[in-house]
PDB file of all heavy atoms in Angstrom:
ATOM      1  N   LYS A   1      10.810-106.404 -73.525  1.00  0.00           N
ATOM      2  CA  LYS A   1      12.037-106.104 -74.224  1.00  0.00           C
ATOM      3  C   LYS A   1      12.437-107.178 -75.165  1.00  0.00           C
ATOM      4  O   LYS A   1      12.907-106.924 -76.263  1.00  0.00           O
ATOM      5  CB  LYS A   1      13.181-105.800 -73.262  1.00  0.00           C
ATOM      6  CG  LYS A   1      12.944-104.550 -72.352  1.00  0.00           C
ATOM      7  CD  LYS A   1      14.071-104.401 -71.323  1.00  0.00           C
ATOM      8  CE  LYS A   1      13.774-103.226 -70.423  1.00  0.00           C
ATOM      9  NZ  LYS A   1      14.771-103.154 -69.332  1.00  0.00           N
ATOM     10  N   VAL A   2      12.200-108.447 -74.753  1.00  0.00           N
ATOM     11  CA  VAL A   2      12.559-109.574 -75.571  1.00  0.00           C
ATOM     12  C   VAL A   2      11.593-109.566 -76.780  1.00  0.00           C
ATOM     13  O   VAL A   2      12.040-109.721 -77.948  1.00  0.00           O
ATOM     14  CB  VAL A   2      12.419-110.910 -74.843  1.00  0.00           C
ATOM     15  CG1 VAL A   2      12.478-112.104 -75.812  1.00  0.00           C
ATOM     16  CG2 VAL A   2      13.475-111.020 -73.798  1.00  0.00           C
ATOM     17  N   LEU A   3      10.250-109.277 -76.574  1.00  0.00           N
ATOM     18  CA  LEU A   3       9.322-109.233 -77.695  1.00  0.00           C
ATOM     19  C   LEU A   3       9.749-108.112 -78.619  1.00  0.00           C
ATOM     20  O   LEU A   3       9.764-108.325 -79.856  1.00  0.00           O
ATOM     21  CB  LEU A   3       7.952-108.866 -77.112  1.00  0.00           C
ATOM     22  CG  LEU A   3       6.870-108.422 -78.100  1.00  0.00           C
ATOM     23  CD1 LEU A   3       6.526-109.531 -79.075  1.00  0.00           C
ATOM     24  CD2 LEU A   3       5.573-108.037 -77.374  1.00  0.00           C
ATOM     25  N   ALA A   4      10.098-106.958 -78.128  1.00  0.00           N
ATOM     26  CA  ALA A   4      10.484-105.810 -78.960  1.00  0.00           C
ATOM     27  C   ALA A   4      11.759-106.152 -79.824  1.00  0.00           C
ATOM     28  O   ALA A   4      11.772-105.820 -80.995  1.00  0.00           O
ATOM     29  CB  ALA A   4      10.752-104.573 -78.084  1.00  0.00           C
ATOM     30  N   THR A   5      12.737-106.750 -79.238  1.00  0.00           N
ATOM     31  CA  THR A   5      13.961-107.082 -79.844  1.00  0.00           C
ATOM     32  C   THR A   5      13.779-108.101 -80.952  1.00  0.00           C
ATOM     33  O   THR A   5      14.304-107.958 -82.112  1.00  0.00           O
ATOM     34  CB  THR A   5      15.095-107.440 -78.848  1.00  0.00           C
ATOM     35  OG1 THR A   5      15.308-106.413 -77.961  1.00  0.00           O
ATOM     36  CG2 THR A   5      16.355-107.735 -79.606  1.00  0.00           C
ATOM     37  N   GLU A   6      13.022-109.158 -80.578  1.00  0.00           N
ATOM     38  CA  GLU A   6      12.836-110.283 -81.574  1.00  0.00           C
ATOM     39  C   GLU A   6      11.920-109.848 -82.676  1.00  0.00           C
ATOM     40  O   GLU A   6      12.186-110.164 -83.873  1.00  0.00           O
ATOM     41  CB  GLU A   6      12.257-111.484 -80.837  1.00  0.00           C
ATOM     42  CG  GLU A   6      13.082-112.114 -79.795  1.00  0.00           C
ATOM     43  CD  GLU A   6      14.416-112.676 -80.432  1.00  0.00           C
ATOM     44  OE1 GLU A   6      14.273-113.247 -81.524  1.00  0.00           O
ATOM     45  OE2 GLU A   6      15.428-112.410 -79.835  1.00  0.00           O
ATOM     46  N   ALA A   7      10.894-109.090 -82.456  1.00  0.00           N
ATOM     47  CA  ALA A   7      10.006-108.579 -83.530  1.00  0.00           C
ATOM     48  C   ALA A   7      10.767-107.612 -84.452  1.00  0.00           C
ATOM     49  O   ALA A   7      10.626-107.618 -85.684  1.00  0.00           O
ATOM     50  CB  ALA A   7       8.754-107.932 -82.986  1.00  0.00           C
ATOM     51  N   THR A   8      11.581-106.773 -83.837  1.00  0.00           N
ATOM     52  CA  THR A   8      12.350-105.827 -84.641  1.00  0.00           C
ATOM     53  C   THR A   8      13.438-106.510 -85.441  1.00  0.00           C
ATOM     54  O   THR A   8      13.708-106.138 -86.561  1.00  0.00           O
ATOM     55  CB  THR A   8      12.956-104.721 -83.713  1.00  0.00           C
ATOM     56  OG1 THR A   8      11.917-104.118 -82.909  1.00  0.00           O
ATOM     57  CG2 THR A   8      13.720-103.653 -84.543  1.00  0.00           C
ATOM     58  N   ALA A   9      14.022-107.580 -84.880  1.00  0.00           N
ATOM     59  CA  ALA A   9      15.058-108.280 -85.636  1.00  0.00           C
ATOM     60  C   ALA A   9      14.480-108.942 -86.875  1.00  0.00           C
ATOM     61  O   ALA A   9      15.195-109.014 -87.922  1.00  0.00           O
ATOM     62  CB  ALA A   9      15.677-109.365 -84.764  1.00  0.00           C
ATOM     63  N   LEU A  10      13.245-109.443 -86.816  1.00  0.00           N
ATOM     64  CA  LEU A  10      12.712-110.013 -88.028  1.00  0.00           C
ATOM     65  C   LEU A  10      12.527-109.047 -89.190  1.00  0.00           C
ATOM     66  O   LEU A  10      12.745-109.368 -90.320  1.00  0.00           O
ATOM     67  CB  LEU A  10      11.262-110.655 -87.710  1.00  0.00           C
ATOM     68  CG  LEU A  10      11.243-111.935 -86.972  1.00  0.00           C
ATOM     69  CD1 LEU A  10       9.767-112.323 -86.559  1.00  0.00           C
ATOM     70  CD2 LEU A  10      11.883-113.032 -87.805  1.00  0.00           C
ATOM     71  N   LEU A  11      12.203-107.790 -88.851  1.00  0.00           N
ATOM     72  CA  LEU A  11      11.908-106.747 -89.840  1.00  0.00           C
ATOM     73  C   LEU A  11      13.172-106.015 -90.198  1.00  0.00           C
ATOM     74  O   LEU A  11      13.395-105.824 -91.412  1.00  0.00           O
ATOM     75  CB  LEU A  11      10.839-105.745 -89.356  1.00  0.00           C
ATOM     76  CG  LEU A  11      10.548-104.587 -90.225  1.00  0.00           C
ATOM     77  CD1 LEU A  11       9.953-105.087 -91.596  1.00  0.00           C
ATOM     78  CD2 LEU A  11       9.542-103.644 -89.555  1.00  0.00           C
ATOM     79  N   HIS A  12      13.936-105.647 -89.240  1.00  0.00           N
ATOM     80  CA  HIS A  12      15.083-104.648 -89.495  1.00  0.00           C
ATOM     81  C   HIS A  12      16.476-105.344 -89.352  1.00  0.00           C
ATOM     82  O   HIS A  12      17.458-104.700 -89.608  1.00  0.00           O
ATOM     83  CB  HIS A  12      14.953-103.506 -88.579  1.00  0.00           C
ATOM     84  CG  HIS A  12      13.803-102.591 -88.819  1.00  0.00           C
ATOM     85  ND1 HIS A  12      13.674-101.876 -89.957  1.00  0.00           N
ATOM     86  CD2 HIS A  12      12.716-102.369 -88.023  1.00  0.00           C
ATOM     87  CE1 HIS A  12      12.527-101.181 -89.886  1.00  0.00           C
ATOM     88  NE2 HIS A  12      11.955-101.473 -88.731  1.00  0.00           N
ATOM     89  N   GLY A  13      16.516-106.557 -88.930  1.00  0.00           N
ATOM     90  CA  GLY A  13      17.758-107.260 -88.727  1.00  0.00           C
ATOM     91  C   GLY A  13      18.180-107.230 -87.264  1.00  0.00           C
ATOM     92  O   GLY A  13      17.829-106.316 -86.522  1.00  0.00           O
ATOM     93  N   ARG A  14      18.982-108.190 -86.872  1.00  0.00           N
ATOM     94  CA  ARG A  14      19.400-108.357 -85.472  1.00  0.00           C
ATOM     95  C   ARG A  14      20.274-107.135 -85.011  1.00  0.00           C
ATOM     96  O   ARG A  14      20.044-106.633 -83.799  1.00  0.00           O
ATOM     97  CB  ARG A  14      20.255-109.595 -85.294  1.00  0.00           C
ATOM     98  CG  ARG A  14      20.717-109.944 -83.888  1.00  0.00           C
ATOM     99  CD  ARG A  14      19.579-110.223 -82.928  1.00  0.00           C
ATOM    100  NE  ARG A  14      18.736-111.335 -83.305  1.00  0.00           N
ATOM    101  CZ  ARG A  14      17.705-111.723 -82.680  1.00  0.00           C
ATOM    102  NH1 ARG A  14      17.377-111.071 -81.532  1.00  0.00           N
ATOM    103  NH2 ARG A  14      17.005-112.763 -83.080  1.00  0.00           N
ATOM    104  N   ALA A  15      21.097-106.611 -85.880  1.00  0.00           N
ATOM    105  CA  ALA A  15      21.993-105.519 -85.420  1.00  0.00           C
ATOM    106  C   ALA A  15      21.140-104.259 -85.058  1.00  0.00           C
ATOM    107  O   ALA A  15      21.367-103.646 -84.050  1.00  0.00           O
ATOM    108  CB  ALA A  15      22.989-105.194 -86.550  1.00  0.00           C
ATOM    109  N   LYS A  16      20.188-103.920 -85.880  1.00  0.00           N
ATOM    110  CA  LYS A  16      19.396-102.702 -85.609  1.00  0.00           C
ATOM    111  C   LYS A  16      18.457-102.916 -84.447  1.00  0.00           C
ATOM    112  O   LYS A  16      18.184-101.969 -83.692  1.00  0.00           O
ATOM    113  CB  LYS A  16      18.550-102.348 -86.895  1.00  0.00           C
ATOM    114  CG  LYS A  16      19.369-101.742 -88.065  1.00  0.00           C
ATOM    115  CD  LYS A  16      18.567-101.193 -89.112  1.00  0.00           C
ATOM    116  CE  LYS A  16      19.434-100.530 -90.215  1.00  0.00           C
ATOM    117  NZ  LYS A  16      18.624 -99.989 -91.302  1.00  0.00           N
ATOM    118  N   ALA A  17      18.071-104.183 -84.268  1.00  0.00           N
ATOM    119  CA  ALA A  17      17.174-104.436 -83.100  1.00  0.00           C
ATOM    120  C   ALA A  17      17.972-104.327 -81.855  1.00  0.00           C
ATOM    121  O   ALA A  17      17.517-103.710 -80.850  1.00  0.00           O
ATOM    122  CB  ALA A  17      16.651-105.855 -83.210  1.00  0.00           C
ATOM    123  N   GLN A  18      19.218-104.743 -81.798  1.00  0.00           N
ATOM    124  CA  GLN A  18      20.019-104.647 -80.569  1.00  0.00           C
ATOM    125  C   GLN A  18      20.409-103.202 -80.427  1.00  0.00           C
ATOM    126  O   GLN A  18      20.533-102.718 -79.218  1.00  0.00           O
ATOM    127  CB  GLN A  18      21.269-105.551 -80.727  1.00  0.00           C
ATOM    128  CG  GLN A  18      20.881-107.022 -80.652  1.00  0.00           C
ATOM    129  CD  GLN A  18      22.063-107.951 -80.936  1.00  0.00           C
ATOM    130  OE1 GLN A  18      23.012-107.541 -81.484  1.00  0.00           O
ATOM    131  NE2 GLN A  18      21.930-109.148 -80.496  1.00  0.00           N
ATOM    132  N   GLU A  19      20.670-102.466 -81.436  1.00  0.00           N
ATOM    133  CA  GLU A  19      20.976-101.017 -81.332  1.00  0.00           C
ATOM    134  C   GLU A  19      19.807-100.246 -80.741  1.00  0.00           C
ATOM    135  O   GLU A  19      19.999 -99.378 -79.888  1.00  0.00           O
ATOM    136  CB  GLU A  19      21.322-100.436 -82.694  1.00  0.00           C
ATOM    137  CG  GLU A  19      21.695 -98.971 -82.676  1.00  0.00           C
ATOM    138  CD  GLU A  19      21.970 -98.393 -84.050  1.00  0.00           C
ATOM    139  OE1 GLU A  19      22.045 -99.173 -85.000  1.00  0.00           O
ATOM    140  OE2 GLU A  19      22.080 -97.133 -84.148  1.00  0.00           O
ATOM    141  N   ALA A  20      18.529-100.550 -81.179  1.00  0.00           N
ATOM    142  CA  ALA A  20      17.411 -99.936 -80.658  1.00  0.00           C
ATOM    143  C   ALA A  20      17.239-100.264 -79.180  1.00  0.00           C
ATOM    144  O   ALA A  20      16.884 -99.351 -78.351  1.00  0.00           O
ATOM    145  CB  ALA A  20      16.165-100.396 -81.431  1.00  0.00           C
ATOM    146  N   ALA A  21      17.504-101.520 -78.813  1.00  0.00           N
ATOM    147  CA  ALA A  21      17.350-101.898 -77.428  1.00  0.00           C
ATOM    148  C   ALA A  21      18.369-101.121 -76.544  1.00  0.00           C
ATOM    149  O   ALA A  21      18.074-100.714 -75.454  1.00  0.00           O
ATOM    150  CB  ALA A  21      17.565-103.418 -77.263  1.00  0.00           C
ATOM    151  N   GLU A  22      19.587-101.003 -77.033  1.00  0.00           N
ATOM    152  CA  GLU A  22      20.575-100.317 -76.296  1.00  0.00           C
ATOM    153  C   GLU A  22      20.339 -98.763 -76.215  1.00  0.00           C
ATOM    154  O   GLU A  22      20.538 -98.192 -75.124  1.00  0.00           O
ATOM    155  CB  GLU A  22      22.040-100.579 -76.938  1.00  0.00           C
ATOM    156  CG  GLU A  22      23.163 -99.781 -76.354  1.00  0.00           C
ATOM    157  CD  GLU A  22      23.421-100.090 -74.870  1.00  0.00           C
ATOM    158  OE1 GLU A  22      22.877-101.180 -74.399  1.00  0.00           O
ATOM    159  OE2 GLU A  22      24.135 -99.353 -74.197  1.00  0.00           O
ATOM    160  N   THR A  23      19.770 -98.247 -77.298  1.00  0.00           N
ATOM    161  CA  THR A  23      19.422 -96.824 -77.285  1.00  0.00           C
ATOM    162  C   THR A  23      18.352 -96.628 -76.212  1.00  0.00           C
ATOM    163  O   THR A  23      18.433 -95.639 -75.435  1.00  0.00           O
ATOM    164  CB  THR A  23      18.892 -96.429 -78.685  1.00  0.00           C
ATOM    165  OG1 THR A  23      19.952 -96.508 -79.622  1.00  0.00           O
ATOM    166  CG2 THR A  23      18.427 -94.946 -78.557  1.00  0.00           C
ATOM    167  N   ALA A  24      17.410 -97.535 -76.200  1.00  0.00           N
ATOM    168  CA  ALA A  24      16.332 -97.410 -75.186  1.00  0.00           C
ATOM    169  C   ALA A  24      16.912 -97.520 -73.781  1.00  0.00           C
ATOM    170  O   ALA A  24      16.487 -96.809 -72.871  1.00  0.00           O
ATOM    171  CB  ALA A  24      15.326 -98.427 -75.463  1.00  0.00           C
ATOM    172  N   ARG A  25      17.792 -98.484 -73.533  1.00  0.00           N
ATOM    173  CA  ARG A  25      18.357 -98.661 -72.294  1.00  0.00           C
ATOM    174  C   ARG A  25      19.043 -97.405 -71.759  1.00  0.00           C
ATOM    175  O   ARG A  25      18.869 -96.984 -70.609  1.00  0.00           O
ATOM    176  CB  ARG A  25      19.332 -99.790 -72.315  1.00  0.00           C
ATOM    177  CG  ARG A  25      19.836-100.206 -70.853  1.00  0.00           C
ATOM    178  CD  ARG A  25      21.089-101.138 -70.946  1.00  0.00           C
ATOM    179  NE  ARG A  25      22.202-100.432 -71.485  1.00  0.00           N
ATOM    180  CZ  ARG A  25      22.948 -99.579 -70.771  1.00  0.00           C
ATOM    181  NH1 ARG A  25      22.710 -99.286 -69.590  1.00  0.00           N
ATOM    182  NH2 ARG A  25      23.986 -98.954 -71.418  1.00  0.00           N
ATOM    183  N   ARG A  26      19.819 -96.850 -72.651  1.00  0.00           N
ATOM    184  CA  ARG A  26      20.553 -95.579 -72.251  1.00  0.00           C
ATOM    185  C   ARG A  26      19.706 -94.439 -71.962  1.00  0.00           C
ATOM    186  O   ARG A  26      19.843 -93.658 -71.047  1.00  0.00           O
ATOM    187  CB  ARG A  26      21.554 -95.271 -73.363  1.00  0.00           C
ATOM    188  CG  ARG A  26      22.729 -96.233 -73.538  1.00  0.00           C
ATOM    189  CD  ARG A  26      23.642 -95.808 -74.661  1.00  0.00           C
ATOM    190  NE  ARG A  26      24.155 -94.482 -74.440  1.00  0.00           N
ATOM    191  CZ  ARG A  26      24.503 -93.591 -75.420  1.00  0.00           C
ATOM    192  NH1 ARG A  26      24.334 -93.999 -76.666  1.00  0.00           N
ATOM    193  NH2 ARG A  26      25.024 -92.470 -75.162  1.00  0.00           N
ATOM    194  N   ALA A  27      18.592 -94.318 -72.815  1.00  0.00           N
ATOM    195  CA  ALA A  27      17.679 -93.225 -72.648  1.00  0.00           C
ATOM    196  C   ALA A  27      16.823 -93.378 -71.416  1.00  0.00           C
ATOM    197  O   ALA A  27      16.583 -92.411 -70.706  1.00  0.00           O
ATOM    198  CB  ALA A  27      16.772 -93.121 -73.942  1.00  0.00           C
ATOM    199  N   PHE A  28      16.351 -94.599 -71.142  1.00  0.00           N
ATOM    200  CA  PHE A  28      15.446 -94.833 -70.067  1.00  0.00           C
ATOM    201  C   PHE A  28      16.137 -95.067 -68.712  1.00  0.00           C
ATOM    202  O   PHE A  28      15.732 -94.515 -67.708  1.00  0.00           O
ATOM    203  CB  PHE A  28      14.521 -96.019 -70.356  1.00  0.00           C
ATOM    204  CG  PHE A  28      13.873 -95.941 -71.677  1.00  0.00           C
ATOM    205  CD1 PHE A  28      13.405 -97.047 -72.336  1.00  0.00           C
ATOM    206  CD2 PHE A  28      13.626 -94.682 -72.298  1.00  0.00           C
ATOM    207  CE1 PHE A  28      12.724 -96.983 -73.508  1.00  0.00           C
ATOM    208  CE2 PHE A  28      12.973 -94.633 -73.530  1.00  0.00           C
ATOM    209  CZ  PHE A  28      12.543 -95.755 -74.166  1.00  0.00           C
ATOM    210  N   GLU A  29      17.127 -95.825 -68.728  1.00  0.00           N
ATOM    211  CA  GLU A  29      17.774 -96.281 -67.536  1.00  0.00           C
ATOM    212  C   GLU A  29      18.932 -95.374 -67.095  1.00  0.00           C
ATOM    213  O   GLU A  29      19.186 -95.205 -65.920  1.00  0.00           O
ATOM    214  CB  GLU A  29      18.264 -97.777 -67.634  1.00  0.00           C
ATOM    215  CG  GLU A  29      17.047 -98.691 -67.910  1.00  0.00           C
ATOM    216  CD  GLU A  29      17.481-100.082 -68.264  1.00  0.00           C
ATOM    217  OE1 GLU A  29      18.714-100.406 -68.122  1.00  0.00           O
ATOM    218  OE2 GLU A  29      16.660-100.841 -68.748  1.00  0.00           O
ATOM    219  N   ASP A  30      19.648 -94.858 -68.076  1.00  0.00           N
ATOM    220  CA  ASP A  30      20.806 -94.012 -67.729  1.00  0.00           C
ATOM    221  C   ASP A  30      20.505 -92.530 -67.962  1.00  0.00           C
ATOM    222  O   ASP A  30      21.316 -91.688 -67.528  1.00  0.00           O
ATOM    223  CB  ASP A  30      22.002 -94.391 -68.629  1.00  0.00           C
ATOM    224  CG  ASP A  30      22.485 -95.797 -68.447  1.00  0.00           C
ATOM    225  OD1 ASP A  30      22.039 -96.363 -67.453  1.00  0.00           O
ATOM    226  OD2 ASP A  30      23.257 -96.313 -69.241  1.00  0.00           O
ATOM    227  N   GLY A  31      19.359 -92.226 -68.610  1.00  0.00           N
ATOM    228  CA  GLY A  31      19.054 -90.822 -68.816  1.00  0.00           C
ATOM    229  C   GLY A  31      19.990 -90.181 -69.791  1.00  0.00           C
ATOM    230  O   GLY A  31      20.146 -88.911 -69.786  1.00  0.00           O
ATOM    231  N   ALA A  32      20.606 -90.937 -70.652  1.00  0.00           N
ATOM    232  CA  ALA A  32      21.571 -90.396 -71.581  1.00  0.00           C
ATOM    233  C   ALA A  32      20.937 -89.751 -72.768  1.00  0.00           C
ATOM    234  O   ALA A  32      19.749 -89.957 -73.062  1.00  0.00           O
ATOM    235  CB  ALA A  32      22.550 -91.492 -72.070  1.00  0.00           C
ATOM    236  N   GLN A  33      21.685 -88.926 -73.491  1.00  0.00           N
ATOM    237  CA  GLN A  33      21.168 -88.274 -74.733  1.00  0.00           C
ATOM    238  C   GLN A  33      21.297 -89.191 -75.934  1.00  0.00           C
ATOM    239  O   GLN A  33      21.304 -88.701 -77.079  1.00  0.00           O
ATOM    240  CB  GLN A  33      21.991 -87.001 -75.011  1.00  0.00           C
ATOM    241  CG  GLN A  33      21.675 -85.866 -74.158  1.00  0.00           C
ATOM    242  CD  GLN A  33      20.472 -85.075 -74.749  1.00  0.00           C
ATOM    243  OE1 GLN A  33      19.850 -85.562 -75.696  1.00  0.00           O
ATOM    244  NE2 GLN A  33      20.073 -83.930 -74.178  1.00  0.00           N
ATOM    245  N   ALA A  34      21.184 -90.441 -75.723  1.00  0.00           N
ATOM    246  CA  ALA A  34      21.381 -91.488 -76.743  1.00  0.00           C
ATOM    247  C   ALA A  34      21.192 -91.024 -78.226  1.00  0.00           C
ATOM    248  O   ALA A  34      20.189 -90.596 -78.628  1.00  0.00           O
ATOM    249  CB  ALA A  34      20.335 -92.581 -76.502  1.00  0.00           C
TER     250      ALA A  34
END
């Protein structure tokens, strides 16, 4: 997850990387319709 967030932040910016990480967390861990 750290690799994914740091690599994504370089390309898309920190905000979009953290948004992607949170979307994944909700989808995978909470089963939400993120």
